[in-house]
Amino acid sequence: MIYDIADLRIKINNKNPFTDRFCKDYLSADQTSPVDLEVAVTQDEFEKEKALSPNFSDGYLENICIYRKICEQMPKWDRFLLHAAVLEYNGDCYAFLGKSGTGKSTHTGLWLKNLPSAKMLNGDKPIISYKDGKFTVYGTPWMGKERFGYNGKGVLKCLCFLEQSKINEISLIEQTSVAERLFIQLLLPRDFNMVARTLELADLLVKTLPSYLMKCDISYTAFKTSFEKLTGETVNE
């Protein structure tokens, strides 16, 4: 089947029906025109994935392999996978990043709770593209275990790295520090040329967009602090 993902036509030759259900919201209405990319998982690739994660279903494991193969080709179209939770608010997108357990779901949940117009574009694995000096972030079927997200896109306004703290404060961080923090959130392809292009795009991202460090707890004050700094708006209490 052919799917429209990140403004690309992608044909997925899956064996297990799991991926058909998983990607149904991205199914293309046009199943006949040429595609940009075609992927399939070999038996060897599947067996290697199964050896690493024997407790998961065959459909789930094939699906993991499929997305990895898609993302490894994304740099050809100036795109890459970024591990982040991305919120859309008033047409702008905000990416929240951090190591596992730093509270991305909790903090973005505060935005969703206090901003009726805010939406989660992708809770874990969005695709980022670069064109004409702008970075666009895309929702994908792969959006984390909570399955928070939708089929959409928006201009990425900034990056916000999260750290747990008993106080709530946010500040701009230097590009060198951003690069170090961002590197561990990237999926790096196995092909050397694709790795090189991914790093070039990441470098452009660091140099183009502002990046912040948000130290926070799980209170309303944490939401207010990040919201007002990232959007430039004032919370109406």
C-alpha atoms as a PDB file:
ATOM      1  CA  MET A   1       0.000   0.000   0.000  1.00  0.00           C
ATOM      2  CA  ILE A   2       1.065   3.610  -0.609  1.00  0.00           C
ATOM      3  CA  TYR A   3       1.085   6.133   2.220  1.00  0.00           C
ATOM      4  CA  ASP A   4       1.546   9.926   2.321  1.00  0.00           C
ATOM      5  CA  ILE A   5       4.132  10.542   5.035  1.00  0.00           C
ATOM      6  CA  ALA A   6       6.115  13.772   5.453  1.00  0.00           C
ATOM      7  CA  ASP A   7       4.946  15.003   2.027  1.00  0.00           C
ATOM      8  CA  LEU A   8       6.415  11.913   0.380  1.00  0.00           C
ATOM      9  CA  ARG A   9       4.703   8.996  -1.315  1.00  0.00           C
ATOM     10  CA  ILE A  10       5.956   5.841   0.369  1.00  0.00           C
ATOM     11  CA  LYS A  11       5.080   2.314  -0.668  1.00  0.00           C
ATOM     12  CA  ILE A  12       5.291  -0.185   2.176  1.00  0.00           C
ATOM     13  CA  ASN A  13       5.468  -3.865   1.251  1.00  0.00           C
ATOM     14  CA  ASN A  14       4.591  -5.373   4.613  1.00  0.00           C
ATOM     15  CA  LYS A  15       3.817  -9.025   5.239  1.00  0.00           C
ATOM     16  CA  ASN A  16       1.875  -8.625   8.473  1.00  0.00           C
ATOM     17  CA  PRO A  17      -1.452  -6.690   8.571  1.00  0.00           C
ATOM     18  CA  PHE A  18      -0.309  -4.850  11.713  1.00  0.00           C
ATOM     19  CA  THR A  19       1.209  -2.047   9.616  1.00  0.00           C
ATOM     20  CA  ASP A  20      -1.980  -1.669   7.536  1.00  0.00           C
ATOM     21  CA  ARG A  21      -3.904  -0.860  10.702  1.00  0.00           C
ATOM     22  CA  PHE A  22      -1.069   1.165  12.224  1.00  0.00           C
ATOM     23  CA  CYS A  23      -0.706   3.503   9.224  1.00  0.00           C
ATOM     24  CA  LYS A  24      -4.360   3.719   8.128  1.00  0.00           C
ATOM     25  CA  ASP A  25      -4.649   7.472   8.782  1.00  0.00           C
ATOM     26  CA  TYR A  26      -1.822   8.065   6.280  1.00  0.00           C
ATOM     27  CA  LEU A  27      -3.114   5.838   3.481  1.00  0.00           C
ATOM     28  CA  SER A  28      -2.883   7.673   0.162  1.00  0.00           C
ATOM     29  CA  ALA A  29      -6.011   8.190  -1.903  1.00  0.00           C
ATOM     30  CA  ASP A  30      -3.792   7.694  -4.955  1.00  0.00           C
ATOM     31  CA  GLN A  31      -2.564   4.119  -5.136  1.00  0.00           C
ATOM     32  CA  THR A  32      -1.372   4.213  -8.742  1.00  0.00           C
ATOM     33  CA  SER A  33       0.972   7.193  -9.281  1.00  0.00           C
ATOM     34  CA  PRO A  34       4.764   6.781  -8.903  1.00  0.00           C
ATOM     35  CA  VAL A  35       6.219   6.726  -5.403  1.00  0.00           C
ATOM     36  CA  ASP A  36       9.223   8.453  -3.880  1.00  0.00           C
ATOM     37  CA  LEU A  37      10.316   5.504  -1.776  1.00  0.00           C
ATOM     38  CA  GLU A  38       9.527   1.804  -1.496  1.00  0.00           C
ATOM     39  CA  VAL A  39      10.462  -0.290   1.527  1.00  0.00           C
ATOM     40  CA  ALA A  40      10.221  -3.907   2.610  1.00  0.00           C
ATOM     41  CA  VAL A  41      11.752  -5.865   5.471  1.00  0.00           C
ATOM     42  CA  THR A  42      13.941  -8.832   4.599  1.00  0.00           C
ATOM     43  CA  GLN A  43      13.720 -12.070   6.578  1.00  0.00           C
ATOM     44  CA  ASP A  44      17.240 -11.506   7.869  1.00  0.00           C
ATOM     45  CA  GLU A  45      16.355  -8.006   9.106  1.00  0.00           C
ATOM     46  CA  PHE A  46      13.243  -9.359  10.784  1.00  0.00           C
ATOM     47  CA  GLU A  47      15.116 -12.202  12.509  1.00  0.00           C
ATOM     48  CA  LYS A  48      17.717  -9.793  13.867  1.00  0.00           C
ATOM     49  CA  GLU A  49      14.982  -7.555  15.292  1.00  0.00           C
ATOM     50  CA  LYS A  50      13.199 -10.544  16.802  1.00  0.00           C
ATOM     51  CA  ALA A  51      16.410 -11.719  18.478  1.00  0.00           C
ATOM     52  CA  LEU A  52      16.737  -8.299  20.132  1.00  0.00           C
ATOM     53  CA  SER A  53      13.064  -8.109  21.205  1.00  0.00           C
ATOM     54  CA  PRO A  54      11.666 -11.654  21.415  1.00  0.00           C
ATOM     55  CA  ASN A  55       8.647 -10.720  23.515  1.00  0.00           C
ATOM     56  CA  PHE A  56       6.977  -8.518  20.878  1.00  0.00           C
ATOM     57  CA  SER A  57       4.591  -9.619  18.142  1.00  0.00           C
ATOM     58  CA  ASP A  58       5.797 -10.285  14.611  1.00  0.00           C
ATOM     59  CA  GLY A  59       3.662  -7.429  13.277  1.00  0.00           C
ATOM     60  CA  TYR A  60       5.082  -4.962  15.768  1.00  0.00           C
ATOM     61  CA  LEU A  61       8.663  -5.993  15.024  1.00  0.00           C
ATOM     62  CA  GLU A  62       8.160  -5.729  11.271  1.00  0.00           C
ATOM     63  CA  ASN A  63       6.649  -2.301  11.813  1.00  0.00           C
ATOM     64  CA  ILE A  64       9.710  -1.135  13.763  1.00  0.00           C
ATOM     65  CA  CYS A  65      11.971  -2.306  10.946  1.00  0.00           C
ATOM     66  CA  ILE A  66       9.818  -0.534   8.370  1.00  0.00           C
ATOM     67  CA  TYR A  67      10.058   2.850  10.059  1.00  0.00           C
ATOM     68  CA  ARG A  68      13.776   2.496  10.587  1.00  0.00           C
ATOM     69  CA  LYS A  69      14.254   1.770   6.882  1.00  0.00           C
ATOM     70  CA  ILE A  70      12.067   4.746   5.947  1.00  0.00           C
ATOM     71  CA  CYS A  71      13.965   7.111   8.237  1.00  0.00           C
ATOM     72  CA  GLU A  72      17.352   5.931   7.036  1.00  0.00           C
ATOM     73  CA  GLN A  73      16.403   7.194   3.558  1.00  0.00           C
ATOM     74  CA  MET A  74      14.888  10.511   4.672  1.00  0.00           C
ATOM     75  CA  PRO A  75      18.100  12.565   4.280  1.00  0.00           C
ATOM     76  CA  LYS A  76      17.760  12.132   0.502  1.00  0.00           C
ATOM     77  CA  TRP A  77      14.844  14.558   0.769  1.00  0.00           C
ATOM     78  CA  ASP A  78      16.409  16.762   3.492  1.00  0.00           C
ATOM     79  CA  ARG A  79      14.437  15.066   6.240  1.00  0.00           C
ATOM     80  CA  PHE A  80      15.352  13.243   9.439  1.00  0.00           C
ATOM     81  CA  LEU A  81      13.806  11.605  12.469  1.00  0.00           C
ATOM     82  CA  LEU A  82      13.944  13.515  15.745  1.00  0.00           C
ATOM     83  CA  HIS A  83      13.001  11.903  19.047  1.00  0.00           C
ATOM     84  CA  ALA A  84      10.789  14.610  20.526  1.00  0.00           C
ATOM     85  CA  ALA A  85       7.268  15.411  21.624  1.00  0.00           C
ATOM     86  CA  VAL A  86       5.893  18.134  19.360  1.00  0.00           C
ATOM     87  CA  LEU A  87       2.976  20.386  20.242  1.00  0.00           C
ATOM     88  CA  GLU A  88       1.106  22.584  17.780  1.00  0.00           C
ATOM     89  CA  TYR A  89      -0.366  25.825  19.101  1.00  0.00           C
ATOM     90  CA  ASN A  90      -1.808  28.617  16.960  1.00  0.00           C
ATOM     91  CA  GLY A  91      -0.041  27.334  13.877  1.00  0.00           C
ATOM     92  CA  ASP A  92       3.409  27.066  15.456  1.00  0.00           C
ATOM     93  CA  CYS A  93       5.126  23.862  16.565  1.00  0.00           C
ATOM     94  CA  TYR A  94       7.266  23.418  19.658  1.00  0.00           C
ATOM     95  CA  ALA A  95       9.568  20.417  20.132  1.00  0.00           C
ATOM     96  CA  PHE A  96      10.200  19.157  23.662  1.00  0.00           C
ATOM     97  CA  LEU A  97      13.223  16.915  24.062  1.00  0.00           C
ATOM     98  CA  GLY A  98      15.021  15.047  26.815  1.00  0.00           C
ATOM     99  CA  LYS A  99      16.268  11.691  27.966  1.00  0.00           C
ATOM    100  CA  SER A 100      13.710   9.024  28.797  1.00  0.00           C
ATOM    101  CA  GLY A 101      12.040   9.831  32.104  1.00  0.00           C
ATOM    102  CA  THR A 102      12.665  13.580  32.018  1.00  0.00           C
ATOM    103  CA  GLY A 103       8.942  14.321  31.772  1.00  0.00           C
ATOM    104  CA  LYS A 104       8.151  15.089  28.131  1.00  0.00           C
ATOM    105  CA  SER A 105       4.716  13.489  28.388  1.00  0.00           C
ATOM    106  CA  THR A 106       4.017  15.192  31.707  1.00  0.00           C
ATOM    107  CA  HIS A 107       5.090  18.651  30.586  1.00  0.00           C
ATOM    108  CA  THR A 108       3.337  18.542  27.223  1.00  0.00           C
ATOM    109  CA  GLY A 109       0.306  17.221  29.081  1.00  0.00           C
ATOM    110  CA  LEU A 110       0.264  20.466  31.088  1.00  0.00           C
ATOM    111  CA  TRP A 111       0.109  22.434  27.842  1.00  0.00           C
ATOM    112  CA  LEU A 112      -2.756  20.305  26.566  1.00  0.00           C
ATOM    113  CA  LYS A 113      -4.621  20.612  29.859  1.00  0.00           C
ATOM    114  CA  ASN A 114      -4.327  24.398  30.040  1.00  0.00           C
ATOM    115  CA  LEU A 115      -4.588  25.259  26.331  1.00  0.00           C
ATOM    116  CA  PRO A 116      -7.773  23.950  24.693  1.00  0.00           C
ATOM    117  CA  SER A 117      -6.434  24.920  21.249  1.00  0.00           C
ATOM    118  CA  ALA A 118      -3.107  23.082  21.658  1.00  0.00           C
ATOM    119  CA  LYS A 119      -2.682  19.702  19.966  1.00  0.00           C
ATOM    120  CA  MET A 120      -0.063  16.988  20.098  1.00  0.00           C
ATOM    121  CA  LEU A 121       1.309  16.636  16.571  1.00  0.00           C
ATOM    122  CA  ASN A 122       3.533  13.714  17.484  1.00  0.00           C
ATOM    123  CA  GLY A 123       4.419  12.355  20.890  1.00  0.00           C
ATOM    124  CA  ASP A 124       7.729  10.701  20.095  1.00  0.00           C
ATOM    125  CA  LYS A 125       9.018  10.227  16.524  1.00  0.00           C
ATOM    126  CA  PRO A 126       8.207  13.117  14.159  1.00  0.00           C
ATOM    127  CA  ILE A 127      10.049  13.751  10.912  1.00  0.00           C
ATOM    128  CA  ILE A 128      11.727  17.135  10.425  1.00  0.00           C
ATOM    129  CA  SER A 129      12.334  18.645   6.983  1.00  0.00           C
ATOM    130  CA  TYR A 130      14.351  21.631   5.814  1.00  0.00           C
ATOM    131  CA  LYS A 131      13.445  23.821   2.841  1.00  0.00           C
ATOM    132  CA  ASP A 132      13.962  27.481   1.971  1.00  0.00           C
ATOM    133  CA  GLY A 133      15.426  28.308   5.363  1.00  0.00           C
ATOM    134  CA  LYS A 134      12.527  26.810   7.343  1.00  0.00           C
ATOM    135  CA  PHE A 135      12.110  23.624   9.308  1.00  0.00           C
ATOM    136  CA  THR A 136       8.790  21.819   9.050  1.00  0.00           C
ATOM    137  CA  VAL A 137       7.761  19.087  11.454  1.00  0.00           C
ATOM    138  CA  TYR A 138       5.462  16.258  10.346  1.00  0.00           C
ATOM    139  CA  GLY A 139       3.239  13.923  12.253  1.00  0.00           C
ATOM    140  CA  THR A 140       3.826  10.242  11.496  1.00  0.00           C
ATOM    141  CA  PRO A 141       2.039   6.982  12.349  1.00  0.00           C
ATOM    142  CA  TRP A 142       4.925   6.324  14.743  1.00  0.00           C
ATOM    143  CA  MET A 143       4.147   8.528  17.732  1.00  0.00           C
ATOM    144  CA  GLY A 144       5.133   6.676  20.916  1.00  0.00           C
ATOM    145  CA  LYS A 145       3.444   4.155  23.148  1.00  0.00           C
ATOM    146  CA  GLU A 146       0.682   6.585  24.154  1.00  0.00           C
ATOM    147  CA  ARG A 147      -0.207   7.048  20.457  1.00  0.00           C
ATOM    148  CA  PHE A 148      -0.585  10.826  20.821  1.00  0.00           C
ATOM    149  CA  GLY A 149      -0.555  12.632  17.479  1.00  0.00           C
ATOM    150  CA  TYR A 150      -2.284  13.213  14.169  1.00  0.00           C
ATOM    151  CA  ASN A 151      -1.627  13.449  10.430  1.00  0.00           C
ATOM    152  CA  GLY A 152      -0.504  17.057  10.046  1.00  0.00           C
ATOM    153  CA  LYS A 153       2.472  19.381   9.814  1.00  0.00           C
ATOM    154  CA  GLY A 154       3.635  22.809  10.945  1.00  0.00           C
ATOM    155  CA  VAL A 155       6.588  25.174  11.056  1.00  0.00           C
ATOM    156  CA  LEU A 156       8.955  24.350  13.895  1.00  0.00           C
ATOM    157  CA  LYS A 157       9.505  27.423  16.049  1.00  0.00           C
ATOM    158  CA  CYS A 158      12.027  26.236  18.648  1.00  0.00           C
ATOM    159  CA  LEU A 159      13.512  23.380  20.651  1.00  0.00           C
ATOM    160  CA  CYS A 160      12.987  23.014  24.383  1.00  0.00           C
ATOM    161  CA  PHE A 161      15.127  20.550  26.342  1.00  0.00           C
ATOM    162  CA  LEU A 162      13.615  19.401  29.622  1.00  0.00           C
ATOM    163  CA  GLU A 163      15.261  18.596  32.942  1.00  0.00           C
ATOM    164  CA  GLN A 164      13.531  17.684  36.189  1.00  0.00           C
ATOM    165  CA  SER A 165      13.963  20.223  38.962  1.00  0.00           C
ATOM    166  CA  LYS A 166      12.299  21.541  42.117  1.00  0.00           C
ATOM    167  CA  ILE A 167      12.333  25.008  40.602  1.00  0.00           C
ATOM    168  CA  ASN A 168      10.898  26.273  37.329  1.00  0.00           C
ATOM    169  CA  GLU A 169      13.172  28.294  35.104  1.00  0.00           C
ATOM    170  CA  ILE A 170      13.881  28.517  31.393  1.00  0.00           C
ATOM    171  CA  SER A 171      16.792  30.038  29.497  1.00  0.00           C
ATOM    172  CA  LEU A 172      18.420  30.075  26.071  1.00  0.00           C
ATOM    173  CA  ILE A 173      21.323  27.682  25.683  1.00  0.00           C
ATOM    174  CA  GLU A 174      24.501  27.995  23.641  1.00  0.00           C
ATOM    175  CA  GLN A 175      24.768  26.283  20.262  1.00  0.00           C
ATOM    176  CA  THR A 176      27.579  23.984  21.419  1.00  0.00           C
ATOM    177  CA  SER A 177      25.423  22.712  24.262  1.00  0.00           C
ATOM    178  CA  VAL A 178      22.435  22.333  21.931  1.00  0.00           C
ATOM    179  CA  ALA A 179      24.474  20.195  19.522  1.00  0.00           C
ATOM    180  CA  GLU A 180      25.489  17.823  22.305  1.00  0.00           C
ATOM    181  CA  ARG A 181      21.926  17.483  23.565  1.00  0.00           C
ATOM    182  CA  LEU A 182      20.455  17.138  20.077  1.00  0.00           C
ATOM    183  CA  PHE A 183      22.855  14.468  18.848  1.00  0.00           C
ATOM    184  CA  ILE A 184      21.445  11.764  21.129  1.00  0.00           C
ATOM    185  CA  GLN A 185      17.910  12.490  19.883  1.00  0.00           C
ATOM    186  CA  LEU A 186      18.724  11.755  16.229  1.00  0.00           C
ATOM    187  CA  LEU A 187      18.371   8.523  14.308  1.00  0.00           C
ATOM    188  CA  LEU A 188      21.633   8.118  12.415  1.00  0.00           C
ATOM    189  CA  PRO A 189      21.418   5.971   9.264  1.00  0.00           C
ATOM    190  CA  ARG A 190      23.944   3.250   8.533  1.00  0.00           C
ATOM    191  CA  ASP A 191      24.918   4.738   5.169  1.00  0.00           C
ATOM    192  CA  PHE A 192      27.794   7.225   5.474  1.00  0.00           C
ATOM    193  CA  ASN A 193      26.301   9.760   3.060  1.00  0.00           C
ATOM    194  CA  MET A 194      22.961   9.674   4.842  1.00  0.00           C
ATOM    195  CA  VAL A 195      24.708  10.173   8.191  1.00  0.00           C
ATOM    196  CA  ALA A 196      26.615  13.137   6.808  1.00  0.00           C
ATOM    197  CA  ARG A 197      23.458  14.785   5.500  1.00  0.00           C
ATOM    198  CA  THR A 198      21.608  14.154   8.768  1.00  0.00           C
ATOM    199  CA  LEU A 199      24.378  15.887  10.691  1.00  0.00           C
ATOM    200  CA  GLU A 200      24.379  18.788   8.225  1.00  0.00           C
ATOM    201  CA  LEU A 201      20.642  19.221   8.725  1.00  0.00           C
ATOM    202  CA  ALA A 202      21.009  18.985  12.500  1.00  0.00           C
ATOM    203  CA  ASP A 203      23.710  21.652  12.383  1.00  0.00           C
ATOM    204  CA  LEU A 204      21.398  23.911  10.387  1.00  0.00           C
ATOM    205  CA  LEU A 205      18.648  23.294  12.919  1.00  0.00           C
ATOM    206  CA  VAL A 206      20.902  24.321  15.789  1.00  0.00           C
ATOM    207  CA  LYS A 207      22.011  27.473  13.972  1.00  0.00           C
ATOM    208  CA  THR A 208      18.544  28.454  12.711  1.00  0.00           C
ATOM    209  CA  LEU A 209      16.189  27.954  15.653  1.00  0.00           C
ATOM    210  CA  PRO A 210      16.408  29.129  19.258  1.00  0.00           C
ATOM    211  CA  SER A 211      16.868  26.373  21.827  1.00  0.00           C
ATOM    212  CA  TYR A 212      15.955  26.510  25.502  1.00  0.00           C
ATOM    213  CA  LEU A 213      16.675  24.547  28.645  1.00  0.00           C
ATOM    214  CA  MET A 214      13.591  24.180  30.816  1.00  0.00           C
ATOM    215  CA  LYS A 215      14.160  23.038  34.396  1.00  0.00           C
ATOM    216  CA  CYS A 216      10.785  22.148  35.817  1.00  0.00           C
ATOM    217  CA  ASP A 217       8.527  20.264  38.157  1.00  0.00           C
ATOM    218  CA  ILE A 218       5.022  19.071  37.284  1.00  0.00           C
ATOM    219  CA  SER A 219       3.072  22.128  38.409  1.00  0.00           C
ATOM    220  CA  TYR A 220       0.976  24.737  36.638  1.00  0.00           C
ATOM    221  CA  THR A 221       3.874  27.132  37.178  1.00  0.00           C
ATOM    222  CA  ALA A 222       6.034  24.905  34.992  1.00  0.00           C
ATOM    223  CA  PHE A 223       3.533  25.237  32.150  1.00  0.00           C
ATOM    224  CA  LYS A 224       3.226  28.994  32.633  1.00  0.00           C
ATOM    225  CA  THR A 225       7.009  29.444  32.631  1.00  0.00           C
ATOM    226  CA  SER A 226       7.646  27.551  29.389  1.00  0.00           C
ATOM    227  CA  PHE A 227       4.523  28.791  27.604  1.00  0.00           C
ATOM    228  CA  GLU A 228       5.246  32.475  28.146  1.00  0.00           C
ATOM    229  CA  LYS A 229       8.894  32.154  27.177  1.00  0.00           C
ATOM    230  CA  LEU A 230       8.388  30.010  24.056  1.00  0.00           C
ATOM    231  CA  THR A 231       5.322  31.766  22.658  1.00  0.00           C
ATOM    232  CA  GLY A 232       5.893  35.331  23.869  1.00  0.00           C
ATOM    233  CA  GLU A 233       2.296  35.371  25.130  1.00  0.00           C
ATOM    234  CA  THR A 234       0.996  35.903  28.635  1.00  0.00           C
ATOM    235  CA  VAL A 235      -1.171  33.312  30.346  1.00  0.00           C
ATOM    236  CA  ASN A 236      -4.619  34.658  31.114  1.00  0.00           C
ATOM    237  CA  GLU A 237      -5.359  33.454  34.647  1.00  0.00           C
END
